[in-house]
Amino acid sequence: MAEPTKEELMARIAELEKQQGTRRRGSLEFRVGEKGGVSVYGLGRFPVTLYYEQWIRLLDAAPGLREFLEENKSRLKMKDQK
């Protein structure tokens, strides 16, 4: 197989950059991992991975978590919203 030319490499880079740009900033992506956990991408630098039962417990606790966050909002560090 011949080595790609500079032009072919530049075209491939442009194509990959275009594909990456289609994903909205701040959007969340969900994936099932090899071990059966569900990972959420887009919250931070690393994905958050939990198993089914853990996600259900977290979702069931959502109202309490929201209340806790509001009660402690003044003590929490927030990222600048852009």
Protein backbone atom coordinates (compact mmCIF):
# COMPACT_ATOMS: atom_id res chain seq x y z
CA MET A 1 0.00 0.00 0.00
CA ALA A 2 1.44 3.37 -1.03
CA GLU A 3 1.97 6.18 1.44
CA PRO A 4 -0.75 8.84 1.23
CA THR A 5 0.22 12.17 -0.29
CA LYS A 6 0.25 15.40 1.69
CA GLU A 7 -2.93 16.50 -0.08
CA GLU A 8 -4.69 13.25 0.82
CA LEU A 9 -3.65 13.60 4.46
CA MET A 10 -4.81 17.23 4.57
CA ALA A 11 -8.17 16.22 3.04
CA ARG A 12 -8.55 13.46 5.67
CA ILE A 13 -7.74 15.89 8.50
CA ALA A 14 -10.32 18.35 7.16
CA GLU A 15 -12.91 15.56 6.96
CA LEU A 16 -12.24 14.47 10.56
CA GLU A 17 -12.40 18.06 11.83
CA LYS A 18 -15.71 18.53 10.04
CA GLN A 19 -17.12 15.36 11.65
CA GLN A 20 -15.97 16.49 15.08
CA GLY A 21 -17.68 19.84 14.59
CA THR A 22 -21.07 18.17 14.07
CA ARG A 23 -21.23 17.20 17.74
CA ARG A 24 -22.80 20.00 19.74
CA ARG A 25 -20.87 21.43 22.63
CA GLY A 26 -22.48 20.52 25.92
CA SER A 27 -24.37 17.59 24.46
CA LEU A 28 -24.32 14.30 26.31
CA GLU A 29 -23.59 10.96 24.73
CA PHE A 30 -24.41 7.57 26.23
CA ARG A 31 -22.57 4.33 25.49
CA VAL A 32 -22.65 0.78 26.84
CA GLY A 33 -19.15 -0.44 27.70
CA GLU A 34 -17.60 -3.87 27.33
CA LYS A 35 -18.39 -4.75 30.95
CA GLY A 36 -22.04 -3.68 30.70
CA GLY A 37 -21.80 -0.28 32.35
CA VAL A 38 -23.40 2.83 30.90
CA SER A 39 -21.00 5.70 30.32
CA VAL A 40 -22.01 9.34 29.93
CA TYR A 41 -19.68 11.48 27.86
CA GLY A 42 -19.80 15.25 27.78
CA LEU A 43 -19.97 16.11 31.48
CA GLY A 44 -16.25 16.64 31.89
CA ARG A 45 -12.89 15.43 30.77
CA PHE A 46 -13.63 11.80 31.59
CA PRO A 47 -16.83 9.80 31.19
CA VAL A 48 -19.02 8.87 34.14
CA THR A 49 -19.69 5.13 34.16
CA LEU A 50 -22.21 3.33 36.36
CA TYR A 51 -24.05 0.03 36.16
CA TYR A 52 -27.81 -0.25 35.59
CA GLU A 53 -28.72 -0.53 39.28
CA GLN A 54 -26.54 2.49 40.13
CA TRP A 55 -28.19 4.63 37.44
CA ILE A 56 -31.64 3.65 38.71
CA ARG A 57 -30.69 4.58 42.31
CA LEU A 58 -29.27 7.90 41.12
CA LEU A 59 -32.35 8.68 39.02
CA ASP A 60 -34.63 7.79 41.95
CA ALA A 61 -32.65 10.20 44.13
CA ALA A 62 -32.84 13.05 41.57
CA PRO A 63 -35.45 15.16 43.42
CA GLY A 64 -33.42 14.99 46.63
CA LEU A 65 -30.23 15.81 44.75
CA ARG A 66 -31.85 18.85 43.13
CA GLU A 67 -33.07 20.05 46.53
CA PHE A 68 -29.62 19.52 48.06
CA LEU A 69 -27.95 21.43 45.22
CA GLU A 70 -30.31 24.40 45.61
CA GLU A 71 -29.86 24.49 49.38
CA ASN A 72 -26.07 24.50 49.00
CA LYS A 73 -25.78 26.61 45.83
CA SER A 74 -23.96 29.44 47.60
CA ARG A 75 -21.22 27.04 48.73
CA LEU A 76 -20.77 25.29 45.37
CA LYS A 77 -18.21 26.20 42.76
CA MET A 78 -19.70 26.92 39.34
CA LYS A 79 -18.09 27.00 35.92
CA ASP A 80 -18.58 30.18 33.93
CA GLN A 81 -21.51 29.81 31.57
CA LYS A 82 -20.61 30.82 27.99
